[in-house]
Amino acid sequence: MDVTVRVKPGSRKGPLVDTTPGPDGETLTVYVPQRAVDGQANTAVIELLAKHFGVARSRVEILRGHTSRTKRIRIEE
């Protein structure tokens, strides 16, 4: 399953996954306390989404948007 994720790094709300319906399906907003430095926010997003969907971290992969706040992520079930 591929999902579009909007990442909010350095958030005091996080760690949190918020679901918003959109025109292309479901869009997730992920709040993580880690800053976007040296890939720390990306690592936190992968860990949080793996926990949210109940899969191993190795089953979550960032397809596009490694340096962007909007990411396309594949989750293998």
PDB file of N, CA and C in Angstrom:
ATOM      1  N   MET A   1       0.852  -1.168   0.000  1.00  0.00           N
ATOM      2  CA  MET A   1       0.000   0.000   0.000  1.00  0.00           C
ATOM      3  C   MET A   1       0.898   1.231   0.000  1.00  0.00           C
ATOM      4  N   ASP A   2       0.586   2.182  -0.875  1.00  0.00           N
ATOM      5  CA  ASP A   2       1.326   3.437  -0.939  1.00  0.00           C
ATOM      6  C   ASP A   2       0.475   4.544  -0.334  1.00  0.00           C
ATOM      7  N   VAL A   3       1.080   5.360   0.514  1.00  0.00           N
ATOM      8  CA  VAL A   3       0.361   6.460   1.148  1.00  0.00           C
ATOM      9  C   VAL A   3       1.165   7.748   1.002  1.00  0.00           C
ATOM     10  N   THR A   4       0.442   8.864   0.989  1.00  0.00           N
ATOM     11  CA  THR A   4       1.069  10.180   0.998  1.00  0.00           C
ATOM     12  C   THR A   4       1.106  10.657   2.436  1.00  0.00           C
ATOM     13  N   VAL A   5       2.262  11.131   2.841  1.00  0.00           N
ATOM     14  CA  VAL A   5       2.465  11.537   4.228  1.00  0.00           C
ATOM     15  C   VAL A   5       2.977  12.973   4.253  1.00  0.00           C
ATOM     16  N   ARG A   6       2.404  13.779   5.104  1.00  0.00           N
ATOM     17  CA  ARG A   6       2.876  15.143   5.364  1.00  0.00           C
ATOM     18  C   ARG A   6       3.577  15.091   6.716  1.00  0.00           C
ATOM     19  N   VAL A   7       4.850  15.418   6.753  1.00  0.00           N
ATOM     20  CA  VAL A   7       5.657  15.302   7.972  1.00  0.00           C
ATOM     21  C   VAL A   7       5.814  16.667   8.622  1.00  0.00           C
ATOM     22  N   LYS A   8       5.641  16.704   9.933  1.00  0.00           N
ATOM     23  CA  LYS A   8       5.847  17.909  10.736  1.00  0.00           C
ATOM     24  C   LYS A   8       6.996  17.629  11.710  1.00  0.00           C
ATOM     25  N   PRO A   9       8.260  17.865  11.276  1.00  0.00           N
ATOM     26  CA  PRO A   9       9.391  17.606  12.165  1.00  0.00           C
ATOM     27  C   PRO A   9       9.496  18.673  13.255  1.00  0.00           C
ATOM     28  N   GLY A  10      10.066  18.290  14.378  1.00  0.00           N
ATOM     29  CA  GLY A  10      10.263  19.223  15.478  1.00  0.00           C
ATOM     30  C   GLY A  10       8.969  19.623  16.161  1.00  0.00           C
ATOM     31  N   SER A  11       7.964  18.784  16.067  1.00  0.00           N
ATOM     32  CA  SER A  11       6.659  19.100  16.622  1.00  0.00           C
ATOM     33  C   SER A  11       6.571  18.724  18.097  1.00  0.00           C
ATOM     34  N   ARG A  12       5.932  19.561  18.859  1.00  0.00           N
ATOM     35  CA  ARG A  12       5.701  19.245  20.275  1.00  0.00           C
ATOM     36  C   ARG A  12       4.508  18.317  20.444  1.00  0.00           C
ATOM     37  N   LYS A  13       3.701  18.181  19.392  1.00  0.00           N
ATOM     38  CA  LYS A  13       2.550  17.281  19.415  1.00  0.00           C
ATOM     39  C   LYS A  13       2.960  15.814  19.365  1.00  0.00           C
ATOM     40  N   GLY A  14       4.085  15.546  18.755  1.00  0.00           N
ATOM     41  CA  GLY A  14       4.473  14.184  18.396  1.00  0.00           C
ATOM     42  C   GLY A  14       5.008  13.361  19.522  1.00  0.00           C
ATOM     43  N   PRO A  15       5.179  12.101  19.293  1.00  0.00           N
ATOM     44  CA  PRO A  15       4.895  11.376  18.059  1.00  0.00           C
ATOM     45  C   PRO A  15       3.401  11.088  17.916  1.00  0.00           C
ATOM     46  N   LEU A  16       2.858  11.396  16.734  1.00  0.00           N
ATOM     47  CA  LEU A  16       1.424  11.261  16.484  1.00  0.00           C
ATOM     48  C   LEU A  16       1.184  11.089  14.989  1.00  0.00           C
ATOM     49  N   VAL A  17       0.214  10.222  14.632  1.00  0.00           N
ATOM     50  CA  VAL A  17      -0.211  10.053  13.244  1.00  0.00           C
ATOM     51  C   VAL A  17      -1.658  10.511  13.165  1.00  0.00           C
ATOM     52  N   ASP A  18      -1.917  11.508  12.310  1.00  0.00           N
ATOM     53  CA  ASP A  18      -3.257  12.061  12.133  1.00  0.00           C
ATOM     54  C   ASP A  18      -3.728  11.725  10.720  1.00  0.00           C
ATOM     55  N   THR A  19      -4.959  11.236  10.587  1.00  0.00           N
ATOM     56  CA  THR A  19      -5.504  10.827   9.293  1.00  0.00           C
ATOM     57  C   THR A  19      -6.466  11.888   8.775  1.00  0.00           C
ATOM     58  N   THR A  20      -6.282  12.271   7.497  1.00  0.00           N
ATOM     59  CA  THR A  20      -7.148  13.250   6.856  1.00  0.00           C
ATOM     60  C   THR A  20      -7.594  12.705   5.508  1.00  0.00           C
ATOM     61  N   PRO A  21      -8.899  12.648   5.235  1.00  0.00           N
ATOM     62  CA  PRO A  21      -9.333  12.196   3.908  1.00  0.00           C
ATOM     63  C   PRO A  21      -9.016  13.253   2.857  1.00  0.00           C
ATOM     64  N   GLY A  22      -8.606  12.812   1.684  1.00  0.00           N
ATOM     65  CA  GLY A  22      -8.255  13.736   0.606  1.00  0.00           C
ATOM     66  C   GLY A  22      -8.767  13.234  -0.723  1.00  0.00           C
ATOM     67  N   PRO A  23      -8.524  13.987  -1.803  1.00  0.00           N
ATOM     68  CA  PRO A  23      -9.025  13.594  -3.120  1.00  0.00           C
ATOM     69  C   PRO A  23      -8.358  12.332  -3.669  1.00  0.00           C
ATOM     70  N   ASP A  24      -7.118  12.078  -3.297  1.00  0.00           N
ATOM     71  CA  ASP A  24      -6.392  10.890  -3.763  1.00  0.00           C
ATOM     72  C   ASP A  24      -6.454   9.749  -2.768  1.00  0.00           C
ATOM     73  N   GLY A  25      -7.383   9.829  -1.839  1.00  0.00           N
ATOM     74  CA  GLY A  25      -7.459   8.822  -0.791  1.00  0.00           C
ATOM     75  C   GLY A  25      -7.097   9.445   0.535  1.00  0.00           C
ATOM     76  N   GLU A  26      -6.537   8.645   1.381  1.00  0.00           N
ATOM     77  CA  GLU A  26      -6.221   9.072   2.734  1.00  0.00           C
ATOM     78  C   GLU A  26      -4.842   9.714   2.788  1.00  0.00           C
ATOM     79  N   THR A  27      -4.739  10.884   3.418  1.00  0.00           N
ATOM     80  CA  THR A  27      -3.462  11.538   3.636  1.00  0.00           C
ATOM     81  C   THR A  27      -3.158  11.508   5.124  1.00  0.00           C
ATOM     82  N   LEU A  28      -1.946  11.127   5.448  1.00  0.00           N
ATOM     83  CA  LEU A  28      -1.527  11.063   6.844  1.00  0.00           C
ATOM     84  C   LEU A  28      -0.640  12.254   7.158  1.00  0.00           C
ATOM     85  N   THR A  29      -0.847  12.831   8.324  1.00  0.00           N
ATOM     86  CA  THR A  29       0.059  13.854   8.839  1.00  0.00           C
ATOM     87  C   THR A  29       0.778  13.228  10.025  1.00  0.00           C
ATOM     88  N   VAL A  30       2.097  13.229   9.959  1.00  0.00           N
ATOM     89  CA  VAL A  30       2.909  12.593  10.992  1.00  0.00           C
ATOM     90  C   VAL A  30       3.679  13.677  11.732  1.00  0.00           C
ATOM     91  N   TYR A  31       3.454  13.764  13.025  1.00  0.00           N
ATOM     92  CA  TYR A  31       4.145  14.728  13.890  1.00  0.00           C
ATOM     93  C   TYR A  31       5.255  13.983  14.634  1.00  0.00           C
ATOM     94  N   VAL A  32       6.495  14.421  14.452  1.00  0.00           N
ATOM     95  CA  VAL A  32       7.622  13.797  15.154  1.00  0.00           C
ATOM     96  C   VAL A  32       8.437  14.878  15.858  1.00  0.00           C
ATOM     97  N   PRO A  33       8.945  14.595  17.044  1.00  0.00           N
ATOM     98  CA  PRO A  33       9.730  15.596  17.773  1.00  0.00           C
ATOM     99  C   PRO A  33      11.142  15.791  17.222  1.00  0.00           C
ATOM    100  N   GLN A  34      11.648  14.819  16.446  1.00  0.00           N
ATOM    101  CA  GLN A  34      12.997  14.928  15.898  1.00  0.00           C
ATOM    102  C   GLN A  34      13.048  15.991  14.802  1.00  0.00           C
ATOM    103  N   ARG A  35      14.170  16.665  14.723  1.00  0.00           N
ATOM    104  CA  ARG A  35      14.403  17.665  13.693  1.00  0.00           C
ATOM    105  C   ARG A  35      14.860  16.979  12.403  1.00  0.00           C
ATOM    106  N   ALA A  36      14.732  17.676  11.297  1.00  0.00           N
ATOM    107  CA  ALA A  36      15.145  17.145  10.000  1.00  0.00           C
ATOM    108  C   ALA A  36      16.647  17.356   9.807  1.00  0.00           C
ATOM    109  N   VAL A  37      17.428  16.715  10.640  1.00  0.00           N
ATOM    110  CA  VAL A  37      18.884  16.820  10.594  1.00  0.00           C
ATOM    111  C   VAL A  37      19.443  15.408  10.503  1.00  0.00           C
ATOM    112  N   ASP A  38      20.285  15.174   9.490  1.00  0.00           N
ATOM    113  CA  ASP A  38      20.931  13.870   9.297  1.00  0.00           C
ATOM    114  C   ASP A  38      19.936  12.721   9.214  1.00  0.00           C
ATOM    115  N   GLY A  39      18.748  12.947   8.681  1.00  0.00           N
ATOM    116  CA  GLY A  39      17.764  11.888   8.488  1.00  0.00           C
ATOM    117  C   GLY A  39      17.048  11.437   9.744  1.00  0.00           C
ATOM    118  N   GLN A  40      17.183  12.178  10.830  1.00  0.00           N
ATOM    119  CA  GLN A  40      16.551  11.776  12.085  1.00  0.00           C
ATOM    120  C   GLN A  40      15.029  11.776  11.979  1.00  0.00           C
ATOM    121  N   ALA A  41      14.458  12.769  11.304  1.00  0.00           N
ATOM    122  CA  ALA A  41      13.006  12.841  11.158  1.00  0.00           C
ATOM    123  C   ALA A  41      12.504  11.697  10.279  1.00  0.00           C
ATOM    124  N   ASN A  42      13.223  11.368   9.209  1.00  0.00           N
ATOM    125  CA  ASN A  42      12.824  10.257   8.347  1.00  0.00           C
ATOM    126  C   ASN A  42      12.823   8.936   9.108  1.00  0.00           C
ATOM    127  N   THR A  43      13.837   8.723   9.916  1.00  0.00           N
ATOM    128  CA  THR A  43      13.909   7.507  10.729  1.00  0.00           C
ATOM    129  C   THR A  43      12.742   7.446  11.704  1.00  0.00           C
ATOM    130  N   ALA A  44      12.427   8.569  12.325  1.00  0.00           N
ATOM    131  CA  ALA A  44      11.312   8.618  13.269  1.00  0.00           C
ATOM    132  C   ALA A  44       9.980   8.364  12.567  1.00  0.00           C
ATOM    133  N   VAL A  45       9.817   8.879  11.348  1.00  0.00           N
ATOM    134  CA  VAL A  45       8.592   8.665  10.583  1.00  0.00           C
ATOM    135  C   VAL A  45       8.433   7.184  10.260  1.00  0.00           C
ATOM    136  N   ILE A  46       9.503   6.543   9.824  1.00  0.00           N
ATOM    137  CA  ILE A  46       9.442   5.111   9.499  1.00  0.00           C
ATOM    138  C   ILE A  46       9.075   4.298  10.735  1.00  0.00           C
ATOM    139  N   GLU A  47       9.697   4.586  11.861  1.00  0.00           N
ATOM    140  CA  GLU A  47       9.402   3.856  13.092  1.00  0.00           C
ATOM    141  C   GLU A  47       7.960   4.066  13.536  1.00  0.00           C
ATOM    142  N   LEU A  48       7.479   5.305  13.446  1.00  0.00           N
ATOM    143  CA  LEU A  48       6.123   5.619  13.878  1.00  0.00           C
ATOM    144  C   LEU A  48       5.075   4.979  12.975  1.00  0.00           C
ATOM    145  N   LEU A  49       5.294   5.015  11.663  1.00  0.00           N
ATOM    146  CA  LEU A  49       4.346   4.397  10.739  1.00  0.00           C
ATOM    147  C   LEU A  49       4.340   2.871  10.876  1.00  0.00           C
ATOM    148  N   ALA A  50       5.501   2.279  11.110  1.00  0.00           N
ATOM    149  CA  ALA A  50       5.566   0.829  11.325  1.00  0.00           C
ATOM    150  C   ALA A  50       4.742   0.448  12.552  1.00  0.00           C
ATOM    151  N   LYS A  51       4.870   1.218  13.597  1.00  0.00           N
ATOM    152  CA  LYS A  51       4.099   0.957  14.814  1.00  0.00           C
ATOM    153  C   LYS A  51       2.607   1.190  14.568  1.00  0.00           C
ATOM    154  N   HIS A  52       2.266   2.262  13.836  1.00  0.00           N
ATOM    155  CA  HIS A  52       0.876   2.607  13.556  1.00  0.00           C
ATOM    156  C   HIS A  52       0.175   1.515  12.750  1.00  0.00           C
ATOM    157  N   PHE A  53       0.863   0.957  11.739  1.00  0.00           N
ATOM    158  CA  PHE A  53       0.271  -0.064  10.885  1.00  0.00           C
ATOM    159  C   PHE A  53       0.547  -1.488  11.369  1.00  0.00           C
ATOM    160  N   GLY A  54       1.349  -1.633  12.411  1.00  0.00           N
ATOM    161  CA  GLY A  54       1.616  -2.954  12.986  1.00  0.00           C
ATOM    162  C   GLY A  54       2.481  -3.834  12.103  1.00  0.00           C
ATOM    163  N   VAL A  55       3.484  -3.238  11.452  1.00  0.00           N
ATOM    164  CA  VAL A  55       4.415  -3.994  10.620  1.00  0.00           C
ATOM    165  C   VAL A  55       5.838  -3.715  11.088  1.00  0.00           C
ATOM    166  N   ALA A  56       6.777  -4.510  10.581  1.00  0.00           N
ATOM    167  CA  ALA A  56       8.185  -4.299  10.917  1.00  0.00           C
ATOM    168  C   ALA A  56       8.706  -3.048  10.209  1.00  0.00           C
ATOM    169  N   ARG A  57       9.707  -2.411  10.792  1.00  0.00           N
ATOM    170  CA  ARG A  57      10.294  -1.200  10.187  1.00  0.00           C
ATOM    171  C   ARG A  57      10.848  -1.480   8.801  1.00  0.00           C
ATOM    172  N   SER A  58      11.320  -2.698   8.563  1.00  0.00           N
ATOM    173  CA  SER A  58      11.876  -3.051   7.256  1.00  0.00           C
ATOM    174  C   SER A  58      10.803  -3.101   6.172  1.00  0.00           C
ATOM    175  N   ARG A  59       9.526  -3.114   6.546  1.00  0.00           N
ATOM    176  CA  ARG A  59       8.420  -3.153   5.590  1.00  0.00           C
ATOM    177  C   ARG A  59       7.939  -1.749   5.197  1.00  0.00           C
ATOM    178  N   VAL A  60       8.542  -0.716   5.778  1.00  0.00           N
ATOM    179  CA  VAL A  60       8.174   0.672   5.482  1.00  0.00           C
ATOM    180  C   VAL A  60       9.328   1.321   4.725  1.00  0.00           C
ATOM    181  N   GLU A  61       9.018   1.910   3.556  1.00  0.00           N
ATOM    182  CA  GLU A  61      10.057   2.476   2.702  1.00  0.00           C
ATOM    183  C   GLU A  61       9.599   3.828   2.153  1.00  0.00           C
ATOM    184  N   ILE A  62      10.492   4.807   2.199  1.00  0.00           N
ATOM    185  CA  ILE A  62      10.214   6.116   1.598  1.00  0.00           C
ATOM    186  C   ILE A  62      10.526   6.017   0.111  1.00  0.00           C
ATOM    187  N   LEU A  63       9.511   6.204  -0.720  1.00  0.00           N
ATOM    188  CA  LEU A  63       9.691   6.133  -2.168  1.00  0.00           C
ATOM    189  C   LEU A  63      10.166   7.458  -2.742  1.00  0.00           C
ATOM    190  N   ARG A  64       9.503   8.549  -2.342  1.00  0.00           N
ATOM    191  CA  ARG A  64       9.834   9.890  -2.838  1.00  0.00           C
ATOM    192  C   ARG A  64       9.751  10.878  -1.688  1.00  0.00           C
ATOM    193  N   GLY A  65      10.558  11.933  -1.774  1.00  0.00           N
ATOM    194  CA  GLY A  65      10.473  13.006  -0.801  1.00  0.00           C
ATOM    195  C   GLY A  65      11.386  12.869   0.391  1.00  0.00           C
ATOM    196  N   HIS A  66      12.561  12.297   0.182  1.00  0.00           N
ATOM    197  CA  HIS A  66      13.503  12.127   1.298  1.00  0.00           C
ATOM    198  C   HIS A  66      13.866  13.458   1.954  1.00  0.00           C
ATOM    199  N   THR A  67      13.904  14.544   1.170  1.00  0.00           N
ATOM    200  CA  THR A  67      14.263  15.851   1.726  1.00  0.00           C
ATOM    201  C   THR A  67      13.073  16.799   1.768  1.00  0.00           C
ATOM    202  N   SER A  68      11.896  16.292   1.523  1.00  0.00           N
ATOM    203  CA  SER A  68      10.693  17.111   1.501  1.00  0.00           C
ATOM    204  C   SER A  68       9.794  16.760   2.686  1.00  0.00           C
ATOM    205  N   ARG A  69       8.896  17.660   3.032  1.00  0.00           N
ATOM    206  CA  ARG A  69       7.934  17.363   4.095  1.00  0.00           C
ATOM    207  C   ARG A  69       6.800  16.481   3.602  1.00  0.00           C
ATOM    208  N   THR A  70       6.548  16.506   2.292  1.00  0.00           N
ATOM    209  CA  THR A  70       5.546  15.628   1.707  1.00  0.00           C
ATOM    210  C   THR A  70       6.258  14.418   1.133  1.00  0.00           C
ATOM    211  N   LYS A  71       5.883  13.242   1.592  1.00  0.00           N
ATOM    212  CA  LYS A  71       6.573  12.016   1.205  1.00  0.00           C
ATOM    213  C   LYS A  71       5.581  10.994   0.671  1.00  0.00           C
ATOM    214  N   ARG A  72       6.053  10.144  -0.208  1.00  0.00           N
ATOM    215  CA  ARG A  72       5.285   9.006  -0.688  1.00  0.00           C
ATOM    216  C   ARG A  72       5.941   7.788  -0.067  1.00  0.00           C
ATOM    217  N   ILE A  73       5.154   7.018   0.684  1.00  0.00           N
ATOM    218  CA  ILE A  73       5.702   5.915   1.455  1.00  0.00           C
ATOM    219  C   ILE A  73       4.984   4.621   1.088  1.00  0.00           C
ATOM    220  N   ARG A  74       5.756   3.551   0.933  1.00  0.00           N
ATOM    221  CA  ARG A  74       5.203   2.217   0.672  1.00  0.00           C
ATOM    222  C   ARG A  74       5.258   1.403   1.957  1.00  0.00           C
ATOM    223  N   ILE A  75       4.116   0.795   2.270  1.00  0.00           N
ATOM    224  CA  ILE A  75       4.023  -0.070   3.451  1.00  0.00           C
ATOM    225  C   ILE A  75       3.620  -1.446   2.958  1.00  0.00           C
ATOM    226  N   GLU A  76       4.506  -2.412   3.126  1.00  0.00           N
ATOM    227  CA  GLU A  76       4.239  -3.786   2.706  1.00  0.00           C
ATOM    228  C   GLU A  76       3.619  -4.535   3.878  1.00  0.00           C
ATOM    229  N   GLU A  77       2.479  -5.133   3.611  1.00  0.00           N
ATOM    230  CA  GLU A  77       1.784  -5.857   4.694  1.00  0.00           C
ATOM    231  C   GLU A  77       2.050  -7.333   4.621  1.00  0.00           C
TER     232      GLU A  77
END
